[in-house]
Amino acid sequence: MSLELLLYLLGGIALLLLLLAVFSRRTARRIEAVLPPGGSFVKVEGVRLHVRDEGRGPALLMIHGLGGQMGHFHYDALRALSKRYRVVTVDRPGSGYSTRPDGVPADLSTQARALAALIAELGLEHPTVVGHSLGGATALTLALEHPGRVGALALVAPLTHAPQQVPPAFRALTIETAWLQRLFAATLALPLGIVASKGVLKEVFGPEQAPADFATRGGGLLGLRPGQFLASSADLQALAGHMPGLERRYADLAALRIPLHILFGRDDRILDWRANGQALADKVAGARLELVEGGHMLPVTQPERTARFIEDVAATRLARTG
């Protein structure tokens, strides 16, 4: 290949990447215009958390999973909990509209510290902490490292043990080289996310169907943004250093004497109920595991069942405290 041809080729690649970057930035702005922040912002522990605080009564704190945001808890039955409870939904640091500045680690201990500070800032009285998927590991970390802040744990399809392999839907998040990760996020993550969206939703929701309004009502579009890709990648890659230590401490949860209930779909394609639900219940005396027919996204596909589960946990916690 001649030098001239090589220069033309490199120039073409550079132009294509530039066009993809422009497309990604403009599309991200359009997404944010369609789905602007729906809550308020609270600064704690070096991050700015996007929080929605609704209703009155015993407190519930809702924590979403990998690549998600508070919109996963926006379906009717879950929103209706605010008629009987104080429901606080939060975008985890770096996700949704919450920020995580450079230099703030993505590990779950750091995230749990921010959530503990949020509980104190909002004056929540030992809330029932609801954790879905990666939010389950976050909730467990919060309970173990800040036990005085948590009243009960309601874990929905939670990650509780280090995954043996990354599900195909999240493989792109495993890019480790920093400059390549940022280049991919700025140029290819969003357009490839659009192209692959049907397959990804089929894997994440299967065997159930993603609702037609998930992109907007469930906030699915927000997950396509370059910044969300980087935050999710950091979240995923931080797990290897955190999960083994977390797993070793599960026996300590029984000593906290807080209700711990787990809800799992039998056909979950992202996290196996045996490796994450049963395995946790086996290690924590008094923990309760409930299985339903369904997949991973129970707060979206089965909000009524998920809401009943959360209420049962909250009621158990209130009965224990009198």
Protein backbone atom coordinates (compact mmCIF):
# COMPACT_ATOMS: atom_id res chain seq x y z
CA MET A 1 0.00 0.00 0.00
CA SER A 2 1.37 3.38 -0.99
CA LEU A 3 1.83 6.17 1.53
CA GLU A 4 -0.71 8.30 -0.30
CA LEU A 5 -3.36 5.56 -0.16
CA LEU A 6 -2.61 4.97 3.52
CA LEU A 7 -3.08 8.66 4.27
CA TYR A 8 -6.39 8.67 2.40
CA LEU A 9 -7.51 5.62 4.37
CA LEU A 10 -6.54 7.15 7.72
CA GLY A 11 -8.21 10.40 6.75
CA GLY A 12 -11.39 8.52 5.88
CA ILE A 13 -11.39 6.69 9.21
CA ALA A 14 -10.82 9.96 11.08
CA LEU A 15 -13.69 11.62 9.21
CA LEU A 16 -16.00 8.69 9.93
CA LEU A 17 -15.15 8.80 13.64
CA LEU A 18 -15.76 12.55 13.68
CA LEU A 19 -19.17 12.12 12.05
CA LEU A 20 -20.06 9.37 14.52
CA ALA A 21 -19.00 11.57 17.44
CA VAL A 22 -21.14 14.45 16.17
CA PHE A 23 -24.10 12.11 15.68
CA SER A 24 -23.65 10.68 19.19
CA ARG A 25 -23.48 14.10 20.85
CA ARG A 26 -26.51 15.42 18.99
CA THR A 27 -28.55 12.28 19.64
CA ALA A 28 -27.66 12.34 23.34
CA ARG A 29 -28.89 15.94 23.54
CA ARG A 30 -32.15 14.97 21.84
CA ILE A 31 -32.63 12.11 24.29
CA GLU A 32 -32.09 14.45 27.23
CA ALA A 33 -34.56 16.95 25.74
CA VAL A 34 -37.21 14.22 25.51
CA LEU A 35 -36.37 12.77 28.94
CA PRO A 36 -35.20 15.63 31.18
CA PRO A 37 -34.47 15.16 34.89
CA GLY A 38 -37.67 14.43 36.79
CA GLY A 39 -36.38 14.97 40.31
CA SER A 40 -34.09 17.18 42.36
CA PHE A 41 -30.35 17.07 43.02
CA VAL A 42 -28.55 16.36 46.28
CA LYS A 43 -24.77 16.74 46.67
CA VAL A 44 -23.14 14.13 48.92
CA GLU A 45 -19.69 12.55 49.11
CA GLY A 46 -18.33 14.29 46.01
CA VAL A 47 -21.21 13.30 43.71
CA ARG A 48 -24.47 14.95 42.71
CA LEU A 49 -27.36 12.49 43.01
CA HIS A 50 -30.55 12.81 41.01
CA VAL A 51 -33.36 11.95 43.43
CA ARG A 52 -37.13 11.70 43.26
CA ASP A 53 -38.83 11.95 46.67
CA GLU A 54 -42.58 11.23 46.74
CA GLY A 55 -45.24 10.43 49.31
CA ARG A 56 -45.31 10.16 53.08
CA GLY A 57 -44.95 7.27 55.48
CA PRO A 58 -42.31 4.60 56.10
CA ALA A 59 -39.39 5.15 53.77
CA LEU A 60 -38.45 3.07 50.74
CA LEU A 61 -35.16 3.67 48.91
CA MET A 62 -35.08 2.27 45.35
CA ILE A 63 -31.71 1.42 43.73
CA HIS A 64 -31.56 0.42 40.04
CA GLY A 65 -29.17 -1.89 38.24
CA LEU A 66 -26.36 -1.77 35.68
CA GLY A 67 -26.91 0.65 32.82
CA GLY A 68 -30.25 1.75 34.25
CA GLN A 69 -31.72 4.66 36.14
CA MET A 70 -34.74 5.49 38.30
CA GLY A 71 -37.14 5.10 35.37
CA HIS A 72 -37.10 1.35 35.94
CA PHE A 73 -39.29 2.03 38.99
CA HIS A 74 -41.75 4.34 37.21
CA TYR A 75 -44.42 1.80 36.35
CA ASP A 76 -47.86 2.29 37.92
CA ALA A 77 -47.90 -0.16 40.82
CA LEU A 78 -44.48 0.95 42.02
CA ARG A 79 -45.36 4.64 41.73
CA ALA A 80 -48.59 3.90 43.62
CA LEU A 81 -46.51 2.91 46.65
CA SER A 82 -46.10 6.64 47.30
CA LYS A 83 -49.72 6.69 48.51
CA ARG A 84 -48.65 4.69 51.56
CA TYR A 85 -44.89 5.19 51.77
CA ARG A 86 -42.24 7.80 51.30
CA VAL A 87 -40.67 6.52 48.09
CA VAL A 88 -37.19 7.78 47.21
CA THR A 89 -35.80 6.68 43.85
CA VAL A 90 -32.23 7.57 42.98
CA ASP A 91 -29.92 7.38 39.99
CA ARG A 92 -26.77 5.64 41.18
CA PRO A 93 -23.58 7.76 40.87
CA GLY A 94 -22.75 8.22 37.19
CA SER A 95 -26.06 6.79 36.00
CA GLY A 96 -29.13 8.60 34.73
CA TYR A 97 -28.66 12.23 35.73
CA SER A 98 -26.43 11.60 38.75
CA THR A 99 -22.81 12.63 38.33
CA ARG A 100 -19.58 10.87 39.23
CA PRO A 101 -16.62 13.21 38.63
CA ASP A 102 -13.26 11.90 37.46
CA GLY A 103 -11.35 10.60 40.45
CA VAL A 104 -14.42 9.29 42.30
CA PRO A 105 -14.20 5.46 42.29
CA ALA A 106 -16.98 3.32 40.84
CA ASP A 107 -16.70 0.56 43.45
CA LEU A 108 -19.83 -0.30 45.42
CA SER A 109 -18.34 0.75 48.76
CA THR A 110 -17.98 4.29 47.43
CA GLN A 111 -21.50 4.20 46.01
CA ALA A 112 -22.89 2.83 49.26
CA ARG A 113 -21.18 5.62 51.18
CA ALA A 114 -22.93 8.20 48.98
CA LEU A 115 -26.29 6.48 49.51
CA ALA A 116 -25.75 6.35 53.28
CA ALA A 117 -25.07 10.09 53.19
CA LEU A 118 -28.24 10.57 51.12
CA ILE A 119 -30.30 8.67 53.70
CA ALA A 120 -28.93 10.96 56.41
CA GLU A 121 -29.40 14.10 54.30
CA LEU A 122 -33.04 13.31 53.56
CA GLY A 123 -33.77 12.18 57.10
CA LEU A 124 -34.97 8.72 56.10
CA GLU A 125 -35.69 6.55 59.13
CA HIS A 126 -34.15 3.13 58.52
CA PRO A 127 -35.66 2.72 55.06
CA THR A 128 -36.52 -0.53 53.38
CA VAL A 129 -33.85 -0.57 50.68
CA VAL A 130 -34.97 -2.03 47.35
CA GLY A 131 -32.12 -3.16 45.11
CA HIS A 132 -32.63 -4.49 41.59
CA SER A 133 -29.83 -6.40 39.81
CA LEU A 134 -26.55 -4.52 40.47
CA GLY A 135 -28.62 -2.39 42.82
CA GLY A 136 -28.95 -5.54 44.92
CA ALA A 137 -25.19 -5.76 45.40
CA THR A 138 -25.22 -2.04 46.20
CA ALA A 139 -27.96 -2.51 48.80
CA LEU A 140 -26.09 -5.42 50.41
CA THR A 141 -22.94 -3.31 50.59
CA LEU A 142 -24.92 -0.46 52.12
CA ALA A 143 -26.38 -2.73 54.80
CA LEU A 144 -23.04 -4.32 55.72
CA GLU A 145 -20.94 -1.16 55.71
CA HIS A 146 -23.57 1.27 57.08
CA PRO A 147 -25.86 -1.00 59.12
CA GLY A 148 -27.41 1.81 61.11
CA ARG A 149 -28.89 3.29 57.94
CA VAL A 150 -30.89 0.28 56.71
CA GLY A 151 -34.16 -1.10 58.07
CA ALA A 152 -34.75 -3.97 55.64
CA LEU A 153 -33.57 -5.34 52.30
CA ALA A 154 -35.95 -6.13 49.43
CA LEU A 155 -33.75 -7.54 46.67
CA VAL A 156 -35.21 -8.03 43.18
CA ALA A 157 -33.20 -10.27 40.83
CA PRO A 158 -30.07 -9.16 42.71
CA LEU A 159 -26.44 -9.68 41.81
CA THR A 160 -25.01 -11.31 44.95
CA HIS A 161 -22.05 -13.34 43.69
CA ALA A 162 -19.30 -12.60 41.20
CA PRO A 163 -20.54 -13.57 37.73
CA GLN A 164 -18.68 -16.38 35.98
CA GLN A 165 -19.04 -14.54 32.69
CA VAL A 166 -20.44 -11.25 31.46
CA PRO A 167 -23.80 -11.60 29.66
CA PRO A 168 -23.56 -10.81 25.92
CA ALA A 169 -25.74 -7.72 26.38
CA PHE A 170 -22.97 -6.14 28.48
CA ARG A 171 -19.83 -7.40 26.70
CA ALA A 172 -18.97 -3.98 25.20
CA LEU A 173 -18.64 -2.64 28.75
CA THR A 174 -15.58 -4.84 29.32
CA ILE A 175 -13.20 -2.67 27.22
CA GLU A 176 -10.35 -1.99 29.64
CA THR A 177 -7.95 0.28 27.72
CA ALA A 178 -8.91 3.80 28.82
CA TRP A 179 -8.38 5.64 25.52
CA LEU A 180 -10.14 2.92 23.52
CA GLN A 181 -13.03 2.87 25.96
CA ARG A 182 -13.48 6.64 25.64
CA LEU A 183 -13.16 6.53 21.85
CA PHE A 184 -15.77 3.77 21.64
CA ALA A 185 -18.10 5.68 23.97
CA ALA A 186 -17.80 8.90 21.99
CA THR A 187 -18.29 7.34 18.55
CA LEU A 188 -19.70 3.82 18.37
CA ALA A 189 -21.54 3.08 21.63
CA LEU A 190 -24.69 5.00 20.78
CA PRO A 191 -25.18 4.01 17.11
CA LEU A 192 -24.32 0.38 17.84
CA GLY A 193 -26.66 0.52 20.83
CA ILE A 194 -29.48 1.61 18.55
CA VAL A 195 -28.72 -1.14 16.03
CA ALA A 196 -28.46 -3.84 18.71
CA SER A 197 -31.32 -2.61 20.90
CA LYS A 198 -33.88 -5.27 19.92
CA GLY A 199 -31.46 -8.09 20.66
CA VAL A 200 -30.30 -6.54 23.92
CA LEU A 201 -33.87 -6.01 25.14
CA LYS A 202 -34.74 -9.59 24.22
CA GLU A 203 -31.85 -10.85 26.33
CA VAL A 204 -32.36 -8.52 29.29
CA PHE A 205 -36.16 -8.93 29.44
CA GLY A 206 -36.55 -12.49 28.16
CA PRO A 207 -38.57 -14.60 28.26
CA GLU A 208 -40.89 -11.65 28.91
CA GLN A 209 -41.38 -8.80 26.46
CA ALA A 210 -40.11 -5.27 26.99
CA PRO A 211 -43.09 -2.91 27.12
CA ALA A 212 -43.52 -0.68 24.08
CA ASP A 213 -42.95 2.45 26.20
CA PHE A 214 -39.77 1.26 27.92
CA ALA A 215 -37.57 3.60 25.85
CA THR A 216 -39.38 6.63 27.28
CA ARG A 217 -41.36 5.69 30.39
CA GLY A 218 -38.73 3.25 31.58
CA GLY A 219 -35.89 5.59 30.60
CA GLY A 220 -34.30 3.09 28.23
CA LEU A 221 -33.09 5.80 25.87
CA LEU A 222 -30.96 7.36 28.61
CA GLY A 223 -28.82 4.24 28.67
CA LEU A 224 -27.63 4.90 25.12
CA ARG A 225 -25.71 8.08 25.96
CA PRO A 226 -21.90 8.02 25.83
CA GLY A 227 -21.57 9.14 29.45
CA GLN A 228 -23.83 6.34 30.61
CA PHE A 229 -21.71 3.83 28.70
CA LEU A 230 -18.56 5.00 30.51
CA ALA A 231 -20.27 4.93 33.91
CA SER A 232 -21.71 1.46 33.33
CA SER A 233 -18.34 0.18 32.13
CA ALA A 234 -16.68 1.48 35.28
CA ASP A 235 -19.43 -0.08 37.43
CA LEU A 236 -19.00 -3.47 35.79
CA GLN A 237 -15.22 -3.50 35.88
CA ALA A 238 -15.14 -2.50 39.57
CA LEU A 239 -17.04 -5.65 40.56
CA ALA A 240 -14.07 -8.00 40.35
CA GLY A 241 -12.34 -6.19 43.20
CA HIS A 242 -15.48 -5.88 45.34
CA MET A 243 -17.64 -8.99 45.10
CA PRO A 244 -15.31 -11.57 46.71
CA GLY A 245 -15.01 -9.49 49.87
CA LEU A 246 -18.75 -8.83 49.92
CA GLU A 247 -19.52 -12.54 49.59
CA ARG A 248 -17.31 -13.36 52.58
CA ARG A 249 -19.40 -11.08 54.80
CA TYR A 250 -22.88 -12.44 54.07
CA ALA A 251 -22.99 -14.47 57.27
CA ASP A 252 -22.71 -11.16 59.15
CA LEU A 253 -26.10 -10.05 57.78
CA ALA A 254 -27.95 -12.34 60.20
CA ALA A 255 -26.44 -10.48 63.14
CA LEU A 256 -27.97 -7.23 61.86
CA ARG A 257 -31.43 -8.69 62.46
CA ILE A 258 -33.01 -6.91 59.52
CA PRO A 259 -35.51 -8.57 57.16
CA LEU A 260 -33.85 -9.78 53.94
CA HIS A 261 -36.15 -11.05 51.20
CA ILE A 262 -35.24 -11.95 47.63
CA LEU A 263 -37.52 -12.04 44.57
CA PHE A 264 -36.28 -13.81 41.44
CA GLY A 265 -37.65 -14.86 38.07
CA ARG A 266 -37.13 -18.55 37.36
CA ASP A 267 -36.15 -17.84 33.76
CA ASP A 268 -33.88 -14.83 34.36
CA ARG A 269 -31.38 -14.73 31.45
CA ILE A 270 -29.01 -12.24 33.09
CA LEU A 271 -28.58 -13.60 36.63
CA ASP A 272 -29.33 -17.19 37.60
CA TRP A 273 -31.59 -17.46 40.64
CA ARG A 274 -29.63 -20.41 42.03
CA ALA A 275 -26.22 -18.69 41.85
CA ASN A 276 -27.51 -15.37 43.22
CA GLY A 277 -30.82 -15.91 45.02
CA GLN A 278 -30.51 -19.36 46.57
CA ALA A 279 -26.80 -18.92 47.22
CA LEU A 280 -27.45 -15.79 49.27
CA ALA A 281 -30.40 -17.30 51.14
CA ASP A 282 -28.22 -20.29 52.07
CA LYS A 283 -25.65 -18.00 53.69
CA VAL A 284 -27.98 -15.69 55.63
CA ALA A 285 -30.08 -17.20 58.40
CA GLY A 286 -33.65 -15.97 58.14
CA ALA A 287 -33.41 -14.80 54.54
CA ARG A 288 -36.40 -15.62 52.36
CA LEU A 289 -36.33 -16.39 48.63
CA GLU A 290 -39.44 -16.10 46.45
CA LEU A 291 -39.55 -17.35 42.87
CA VAL A 292 -41.95 -16.23 40.15
CA GLU A 293 -42.37 -17.11 36.52
CA GLY A 294 -40.51 -14.39 34.63
CA GLY A 295 -37.20 -12.86 33.67
CA HIS A 296 -34.79 -10.25 34.95
CA MET A 297 -36.72 -6.98 34.63
CA LEU A 298 -39.46 -7.68 37.16
CA PRO A 299 -39.92 -4.01 38.23
CA VAL A 300 -40.89 -3.27 34.62
CA THR A 301 -42.61 -6.47 33.50
CA GLN A 302 -44.33 -7.32 36.79
CA PRO A 303 -44.64 -4.06 38.75
CA GLU A 304 -47.71 -5.25 40.67
CA ARG A 305 -45.94 -8.38 41.91
CA THR A 306 -42.81 -6.41 42.68
CA ALA A 307 -44.81 -3.82 44.62
CA ARG A 308 -46.49 -6.53 46.73
CA PHE A 309 -43.09 -8.02 47.45
CA ILE A 310 -41.72 -4.65 48.59
CA GLU A 311 -44.76 -4.02 50.78
CA ASP A 312 -44.40 -7.45 52.40
CA VAL A 313 -40.78 -6.69 53.28
CA ALA A 314 -41.65 -3.21 54.59
CA ALA A 315 -44.48 -4.69 56.69
CA THR A 316 -42.13 -7.29 58.16
CA ARG A 317 -39.69 -4.56 59.10
CA LEU A 318 -42.43 -2.45 60.74
CA ALA A 319 -43.75 -5.47 62.67
CA ARG A 320 -40.28 -6.12 64.09
CA THR A 321 -39.83 -2.53 65.22
CA GLY A 322 -43.34 -2.24 66.60
